[in-house]
Amino acid sequence: MILNSGKLYRIQLQYHIIFWLTYFVFNTFRWGSYFNDYAYSLKTNLLGFPIHMALCYLNILILMPNLIYRKKYLLYVICILSAIFIMVVVKFQMTYLLITHDVWPEGPETIDKLTLNYTIDMMMGELYVMTFVTAIKITFDFMREQKRVTDLEKSQLETELLFLKSQISPHFFFNTLNNIYSLAVEKSDKTPKIVLKLSELMRYMLYDTKSKKQSLENEILCIQNYLDLERIRNGDRLEIDMSVSGDIHDKEISPIILLTFIENAFKHGVNKNTGKVKIDINFKVKEDFLHFTISNPTPEITVHKDNFNKSSGIGIENVKKRLELGYNKNDYKLSFKNKKNIFVVKLVIKVS
């Protein structure tokens, strides 16, 4: 087993005992009522149930794993019929010798030797018991396999989300460190402030993004730290207009989702343009949904929509994949618009 999920549906010994005892008591009273002889029914069931159990466990523990699961169907049929026939012979002999010479009181005739009708009837009875027990086994195997698949999918989902998160912002950190170095060489007063902001941002990304959801307040605070760093890096040529409205308290969102759009806006809207640049960012909470909008100028070298979309790199595709993995289709809506050299991203996402 790859995971321990199988333990959830592994039938423990006490449940085997409870099942067979319940079945034994039911069968004893059933045939005791039929024959109006409970003592006889008790004796025959005491003899017959070990045979039932032997055949059932032979089937589910040995024959099915070694033959059915290996697609040796013909050999399985031969083995199972042979085992049932042998057990019927044993049952006949033991009933005749230990209980009564009338081994088939419910049959159409009194017999004192093994007959074809008796053999077929007893074999059908054993097949019934085996089928019943095997159906239970297959049901539990199915439940165990479904749980295993679910756990694997969950594990794969979490691994993929972690991988996608790990792809975020490496070049931003490198650029910021280079800027810190330059400012340190110049002995700029901005250096301590940048180091502090970068430290706060890195702490959030390293430690606060491990959970599936993060508070919207913390996510916006992370974005503010990012924007502060960009303001310091770009100086007066950068204008950021950011607004927050609605109740952002007690709201949750997948971490770093929004920051990806922010980073993408600076990567293509600021770094690839000269002169003054304006970034507009709006957070608006309505009931259980956040309406997020960010707009930035398209790169001067790629003003056409198709070319700009191609140049967006993995950032947008990354966040699309994370939305697909982390949210239901009805819980978010993502759209893009490129008009008059302004690229606009709109995301409506559930934050309850």
Protein backbone atom coordinates (compact mmCIF):
# COMPACT_ATOMS: atom_id res chain seq x y z
CA MET A 1 0.00 0.00 0.00
CA ILE A 2 1.28 3.47 -0.94
CA LEU A 3 -0.88 5.15 1.68
CA ASN A 4 -2.37 4.04 4.96
CA SER A 5 -5.91 4.65 3.73
CA GLY A 6 -6.52 0.90 3.44
CA LYS A 7 -6.56 0.63 7.23
CA LEU A 8 -9.83 2.51 7.30
CA TYR A 9 -11.68 -0.30 5.52
CA ARG A 10 -9.65 -3.32 6.66
CA ILE A 11 -12.13 -5.60 8.41
CA GLN A 12 -10.86 -6.42 11.86
CA LEU A 13 -11.13 -9.89 13.40
CA GLN A 14 -13.96 -9.02 15.75
CA TYR A 15 -16.16 -8.02 12.82
CA HIS A 16 -15.51 -11.35 11.11
CA ILE A 17 -16.59 -13.08 14.31
CA ILE A 18 -19.70 -10.91 14.67
CA PHE A 19 -20.66 -11.52 11.02
CA TRP A 20 -20.35 -15.32 11.19
CA LEU A 21 -22.06 -15.56 14.59
CA THR A 22 -24.96 -13.45 13.35
CA TYR A 23 -25.23 -15.49 10.17
CA PHE A 24 -25.00 -18.75 12.19
CA VAL A 25 -27.76 -17.74 14.60
CA PHE A 26 -29.99 -16.58 11.74
CA ASN A 27 -29.45 -19.81 9.78
CA THR A 28 -30.02 -21.98 12.85
CA PHE A 29 -33.36 -20.38 13.64
CA ARG A 30 -34.33 -20.34 9.96
CA TRP A 31 -33.83 -24.08 9.43
CA GLY A 32 -34.96 -24.92 12.97
CA SER A 33 -38.28 -23.26 12.17
CA TYR A 34 -38.42 -24.98 8.79
CA PHE A 35 -37.85 -28.48 10.24
CA ASN A 36 -39.47 -27.68 13.57
CA ASP A 37 -36.35 -29.20 15.06
CA TYR A 38 -33.89 -26.65 16.45
CA ALA A 39 -31.53 -29.28 17.83
CA TYR A 40 -31.10 -30.81 14.37
CA SER A 41 -30.65 -27.35 12.82
CA LEU A 42 -27.98 -26.51 15.40
CA LYS A 43 -26.04 -29.70 14.67
CA THR A 44 -26.12 -29.31 10.90
CA ASN A 45 -25.08 -25.67 11.09
CA LEU A 46 -22.23 -26.49 13.46
CA LEU A 47 -21.05 -28.93 10.83
CA GLY A 48 -21.82 -26.78 7.79
CA PHE A 49 -20.48 -23.41 8.87
CA PRO A 50 -16.81 -24.41 9.07
CA ILE A 51 -17.23 -25.59 5.48
CA HIS A 52 -18.86 -22.29 4.48
CA MET A 53 -16.07 -20.35 6.12
CA ALA A 54 -13.30 -22.47 4.62
CA LEU A 55 -14.68 -22.01 1.11
CA CYS A 56 -15.26 -18.28 1.55
CA TYR A 57 -11.77 -17.55 2.86
CA LEU A 58 -10.20 -19.88 0.30
CA ASN A 59 -11.94 -17.83 -2.38
CA ILE A 60 -11.29 -14.27 -1.15
CA LEU A 61 -7.79 -14.80 0.28
CA ILE A 62 -6.22 -17.27 -2.14
CA LEU A 63 -8.14 -17.96 -5.34
CA MET A 64 -9.25 -14.42 -6.19
CA PRO A 65 -5.89 -12.68 -5.55
CA ASN A 66 -3.89 -15.37 -7.35
CA LEU A 67 -6.25 -16.18 -10.21
CA ILE A 68 -9.00 -13.58 -10.76
CA TYR A 69 -6.69 -10.57 -10.29
CA ARG A 70 -4.19 -12.20 -12.64
CA LYS A 71 -6.91 -12.86 -15.24
CA LYS A 72 -6.67 -16.65 -15.00
CA TYR A 73 -10.42 -17.02 -15.23
CA LEU A 74 -10.71 -20.59 -16.52
CA LEU A 75 -8.34 -21.92 -13.88
CA TYR A 76 -10.29 -20.00 -11.25
CA VAL A 77 -13.60 -21.59 -12.31
CA ILE A 78 -12.02 -25.07 -12.27
CA CYS A 79 -10.48 -24.51 -8.84
CA ILE A 80 -13.59 -23.02 -7.25
CA LEU A 81 -15.90 -25.75 -8.57
CA SER A 82 -13.46 -28.44 -7.51
CA ALA A 83 -13.17 -26.97 -4.00
CA ILE A 84 -16.95 -26.74 -3.64
CA PHE A 85 -17.42 -30.30 -4.87
CA ILE A 86 -14.84 -31.64 -2.41
CA MET A 87 -16.50 -29.77 0.45
CA VAL A 88 -19.93 -31.11 -0.55
CA VAL A 89 -18.56 -34.64 -0.43
CA VAL A 90 -17.02 -33.97 2.99
CA LYS A 91 -20.27 -32.44 4.23
CA PHE A 92 -22.28 -35.44 3.01
CA GLN A 93 -20.00 -37.96 4.69
CA MET A 94 -19.80 -36.07 7.98
CA THR A 95 -23.57 -35.51 8.10
CA TYR A 96 -24.21 -39.19 7.35
CA LEU A 97 -21.72 -40.41 9.96
CA LEU A 98 -22.18 -37.85 12.75
CA ILE A 99 -25.75 -36.53 12.59
CA THR A 100 -28.28 -38.55 10.56
CA HIS A 101 -28.49 -40.95 7.66
CA ASP A 102 -31.17 -38.71 6.20
CA VAL A 103 -28.68 -36.15 4.94
CA TRP A 104 -31.18 -34.28 2.75
CA PRO A 105 -34.47 -33.95 4.63
CA GLU A 106 -35.50 -30.89 2.66
CA GLY A 107 -34.89 -32.68 -0.65
CA PRO A 108 -37.45 -34.41 -2.87
CA GLU A 109 -36.19 -37.85 -1.92
CA THR A 110 -34.47 -39.71 0.89
CA ILE A 111 -30.90 -40.61 -0.02
CA ASP A 112 -28.17 -42.59 1.65
CA LYS A 113 -25.50 -41.94 -0.96
CA LEU A 114 -24.20 -38.99 -2.96
CA THR A 115 -26.48 -38.19 -5.90
CA LEU A 116 -26.30 -35.68 -8.74
CA ASN A 117 -29.35 -33.75 -7.51
CA TYR A 118 -27.96 -33.50 -3.99
CA THR A 119 -24.53 -32.46 -5.26
CA ILE A 120 -25.94 -29.74 -7.50
CA ASP A 121 -28.26 -28.43 -4.76
CA MET A 122 -25.50 -28.32 -2.15
CA MET A 123 -23.04 -26.73 -4.56
CA MET A 124 -25.58 -24.02 -5.37
CA GLY A 125 -26.04 -23.41 -1.65
CA GLU A 126 -22.31 -23.04 -1.11
CA LEU A 127 -22.07 -20.73 -4.13
CA TYR A 128 -24.79 -18.57 -2.59
CA VAL A 129 -22.87 -18.20 0.67
CA MET A 130 -19.58 -17.57 -1.16
CA THR A 131 -21.17 -14.98 -3.44
CA PHE A 132 -22.65 -13.16 -0.46
CA VAL A 133 -19.32 -13.02 1.40
CA THR A 134 -17.38 -12.18 -1.75
CA ALA A 135 -19.76 -9.29 -2.48
CA ILE A 136 -18.98 -7.87 0.96
CA LYS A 137 -15.25 -8.27 0.33
CA ILE A 138 -15.46 -6.59 -3.09
CA THR A 139 -17.49 -3.73 -1.61
CA PHE A 140 -14.86 -3.07 1.06
CA ASP A 141 -12.08 -3.39 -1.51
CA PHE A 142 -13.86 -0.83 -3.69
CA MET A 143 -14.27 1.55 -0.75
CA ARG A 144 -10.60 1.13 0.15
CA GLU A 145 -9.50 1.75 -3.44
CA GLN A 146 -11.72 4.83 -3.72
CA LYS A 147 -10.22 6.17 -0.51
CA ARG A 148 -6.71 5.44 -1.81
CA VAL A 149 -7.42 7.18 -5.11
CA THR A 150 -8.94 10.14 -3.30
CA ASP A 151 -5.91 10.41 -1.02
CA LEU A 152 -3.57 10.17 -4.01
CA GLU A 153 -5.49 12.88 -5.85
CA LYS A 154 -5.45 15.05 -2.74
CA SER A 155 -1.72 14.47 -2.29
CA GLN A 156 -1.09 15.21 -5.95
CA LEU A 157 -3.22 18.35 -5.74
CA GLU A 158 -1.34 19.61 -2.69
CA THR A 159 2.00 18.82 -4.33
CA GLU A 160 1.01 20.61 -7.51
CA LEU A 161 -0.22 23.65 -5.58
CA LEU A 162 3.05 23.77 -3.65
CA PHE A 163 4.96 23.54 -6.91
CA LEU A 164 2.93 26.34 -8.43
CA LYS A 165 3.50 28.50 -5.35
CA SER A 166 7.23 27.83 -5.55
CA GLN A 167 7.31 29.34 -9.04
CA ILE A 168 6.21 32.76 -7.79
CA SER A 169 8.46 35.80 -7.60
CA PRO A 170 12.03 34.41 -7.72
CA HIS A 171 13.09 37.07 -10.20
CA PHE A 172 11.45 39.75 -8.02
CA PHE A 173 13.57 38.76 -5.04
CA PHE A 174 16.73 38.70 -7.13
CA ASN A 175 15.96 42.15 -8.55
CA THR A 176 15.20 43.51 -5.09
CA LEU A 177 18.44 42.10 -3.69
CA ASN A 178 20.35 43.71 -6.55
CA ASN A 179 18.68 47.01 -5.73
CA ILE A 180 19.56 46.60 -2.05
CA TYR A 181 23.17 46.01 -3.06
CA SER A 182 23.19 49.14 -5.21
CA LEU A 183 21.61 51.22 -2.44
CA ALA A 184 24.06 49.79 0.10
CA VAL A 185 27.00 50.78 -2.12
CA GLU A 186 25.53 54.27 -2.36
CA LYS A 187 24.89 54.22 1.41
CA SER A 188 21.29 55.21 0.75
CA ASP A 189 18.90 55.83 3.63
CA LYS A 190 16.37 53.64 1.81
CA THR A 191 18.40 50.46 2.41
CA PRO A 192 17.09 49.55 5.92
CA LYS A 193 13.49 50.17 4.84
CA ILE A 194 13.83 47.93 1.78
CA VAL A 195 15.47 45.18 3.83
CA LEU A 196 12.62 45.31 6.37
CA LYS A 197 9.91 45.23 3.72
CA LEU A 198 11.62 42.40 1.88
CA SER A 199 11.96 40.46 5.14
CA GLU A 200 8.25 40.82 5.89
CA LEU A 201 7.31 39.74 2.39
CA MET A 202 9.63 36.72 2.44
CA ARG A 203 8.34 35.68 5.88
CA TYR A 204 4.79 35.71 4.56
CA MET A 205 5.65 33.71 1.45
CA LEU A 206 7.75 31.14 3.31
CA TYR A 207 5.62 30.55 6.38
CA ASP A 208 2.12 31.94 5.93
CA THR A 209 1.30 30.41 2.55
CA LYS A 210 1.54 26.75 3.56
CA SER A 211 -2.16 26.48 4.40
CA LYS A 212 -4.78 26.16 1.68
CA LYS A 213 -6.41 29.45 2.64
CA GLN A 214 -5.10 32.69 4.08
CA SER A 215 -7.02 35.64 5.48
CA LEU A 216 -7.79 38.30 2.91
CA GLU A 217 -6.38 40.92 5.29
CA ASN A 218 -2.98 39.20 5.36
CA GLU A 219 -3.01 38.79 1.60
CA ILE A 220 -3.68 42.50 1.09
CA LEU A 221 -0.97 43.35 3.63
CA CYS A 222 1.46 41.19 1.68
CA ILE A 223 0.50 43.05 -1.50
CA GLN A 224 1.03 46.39 0.25
CA ASN A 225 4.56 45.32 1.24
CA TYR A 226 5.20 44.30 -2.35
CA LEU A 227 3.93 47.65 -3.61
CA ASP A 228 6.06 49.52 -1.08
CA LEU A 229 9.13 47.73 -2.40
CA GLU A 230 8.19 48.59 -5.96
CA ARG A 231 7.65 52.23 -5.00
CA ILE A 232 11.13 52.37 -3.49
CA ARG A 233 12.66 50.61 -6.47
CA ASN A 234 10.95 52.72 -9.14
CA GLY A 235 10.83 56.07 -7.39
CA ASP A 236 8.76 58.95 -8.77
CA ARG A 237 8.10 57.38 -12.15
CA LEU A 238 5.64 54.93 -10.55
CA GLU A 239 2.10 55.91 -9.52
CA ILE A 240 -0.05 53.34 -7.72
CA ASP A 241 -3.74 53.94 -7.10
CA MET A 242 -5.02 51.25 -4.71
CA SER A 243 -8.45 51.14 -3.08
CA VAL A 244 -10.08 48.69 -0.67
CA SER A 245 -13.82 48.70 0.04
CA GLY A 246 -16.28 46.37 1.72
CA ASP A 247 -15.79 44.13 4.74
CA ILE A 248 -12.47 42.27 4.35
CA HIS A 249 -12.55 40.83 7.89
CA ASP A 250 -13.04 37.07 8.37
CA LYS A 251 -12.59 36.46 4.64
CA GLU A 252 -10.23 33.82 3.25
CA ILE A 253 -8.53 33.28 -0.08
CA SER A 254 -5.85 31.02 -1.54
CA PRO A 255 -2.51 32.65 -0.75
CA ILE A 256 -0.45 34.39 -3.45
CA ILE A 257 -3.31 34.22 -5.99
CA LEU A 258 -3.70 38.00 -6.16
CA LEU A 259 0.00 38.72 -5.84
CA THR A 260 0.59 36.88 -9.10
CA PHE A 261 -1.50 39.46 -10.97
CA ILE A 262 0.28 42.29 -9.15
CA GLU A 263 3.68 40.89 -10.06
CA ASN A 264 2.59 40.36 -13.66
CA ALA A 265 1.49 44.00 -13.88
CA PHE A 266 4.91 45.21 -12.78
CA LYS A 267 6.80 42.71 -14.91
CA HIS A 268 5.06 43.78 -18.12
CA GLY A 269 3.52 47.14 -17.30
CA VAL A 270 6.37 48.81 -15.41
CA ASN A 271 9.63 47.06 -16.20
CA LYS A 272 8.98 47.09 -19.95
CA ASN A 273 7.95 50.73 -20.16
CA THR A 274 9.88 53.97 -19.86
CA GLY A 275 8.72 57.18 -18.26
CA LYS A 276 5.89 57.47 -15.76
CA VAL A 277 3.66 54.44 -15.28
CA LYS A 278 0.35 54.11 -13.42
CA ILE A 279 -1.03 50.94 -11.84
CA ASP A 280 -4.67 50.86 -10.69
CA ILE A 281 -5.68 48.22 -8.13
CA ASN A 282 -9.14 47.79 -6.62
CA PHE A 283 -10.38 45.38 -3.94
CA LYS A 284 -14.13 45.35 -3.37
CA VAL A 285 -15.92 42.80 -1.20
CA LYS A 286 -19.59 42.16 -1.91
CA GLU A 287 -21.22 39.59 0.35
CA ASP A 288 -19.11 36.41 -0.04
CA PHE A 289 -17.16 37.48 -3.13
CA LEU A 290 -14.12 39.65 -3.73
CA HIS A 291 -14.15 41.76 -6.89
CA PHE A 292 -10.49 42.33 -7.73
CA THR A 293 -9.35 44.53 -10.63
CA ILE A 294 -5.87 45.54 -11.69
CA SER A 295 -4.89 47.55 -14.77
CA ASN A 296 -1.49 48.43 -16.17
CA PRO A 297 -0.10 49.75 -19.45
CA THR A 298 0.95 47.12 -21.95
CA PRO A 299 4.66 46.90 -22.78
CA GLU A 300 5.81 49.49 -25.30
CA ILE A 301 7.42 46.76 -27.39
CA THR A 302 4.30 44.55 -27.48
CA VAL A 303 1.20 46.73 -27.83
CA HIS A 304 -0.85 44.09 -29.63
CA LYS A 305 -3.07 41.88 -27.56
CA ASP A 306 -1.92 38.56 -29.01
CA ASN A 307 1.75 39.42 -28.60
CA PHE A 308 1.18 40.65 -25.07
CA ASN A 309 -0.63 37.47 -24.06
CA LYS A 310 2.27 35.41 -25.40
CA SER A 311 4.72 37.48 -23.40
CA SER A 312 2.87 37.04 -20.12
CA GLY A 313 4.98 33.99 -19.28
CA ILE A 314 3.93 31.40 -16.74
CA GLY A 315 2.36 33.86 -14.30
CA ILE A 316 -1.16 33.95 -15.72
CA GLU A 317 -1.18 30.25 -16.63
CA ASN A 318 0.09 29.51 -13.15
CA VAL A 319 -2.76 31.32 -11.45
CA LYS A 320 -5.34 29.81 -13.83
CA LYS A 321 -4.14 26.34 -12.86
CA ARG A 322 -4.23 27.18 -9.17
CA LEU A 323 -7.80 28.46 -9.48
CA GLU A 324 -8.83 25.26 -11.25
CA LEU A 325 -7.20 23.11 -8.58
CA GLY A 326 -8.32 25.07 -5.55
CA TYR A 327 -11.82 26.29 -6.40
CA ASN A 328 -15.08 25.04 -7.88
CA LYS A 329 -16.04 26.52 -11.23
CA ASN A 330 -18.90 28.51 -9.70
CA ASP A 331 -16.62 30.05 -7.06
CA TYR A 332 -14.59 32.28 -9.34
CA LYS A 333 -14.61 34.12 -12.66
CA LEU A 334 -11.44 35.38 -14.31
CA SER A 335 -11.39 37.70 -17.30
CA PHE A 336 -8.83 39.78 -19.24
CA LYS A 337 -9.23 42.86 -21.41
CA ASN A 338 -6.71 44.75 -23.49
CA LYS A 339 -7.99 48.13 -24.66
CA LYS A 340 -6.14 51.26 -25.68
CA ASN A 341 -2.83 49.80 -24.54
CA ILE A 342 -4.19 49.12 -21.05
CA PHE A 343 -4.29 45.54 -19.84
CA VAL A 344 -7.04 44.84 -17.28
CA VAL A 345 -7.47 41.75 -15.14
CA LYS A 346 -10.77 41.14 -13.34
CA LEU A 347 -11.22 38.34 -10.83
CA VAL A 348 -14.41 37.64 -8.91
CA ILE A 349 -13.66 34.99 -6.30
CA LYS A 350 -15.42 33.50 -3.29
CA VAL A 351 -13.78 34.57 -0.04
CA SER A 352 -16.24 33.29 2.58
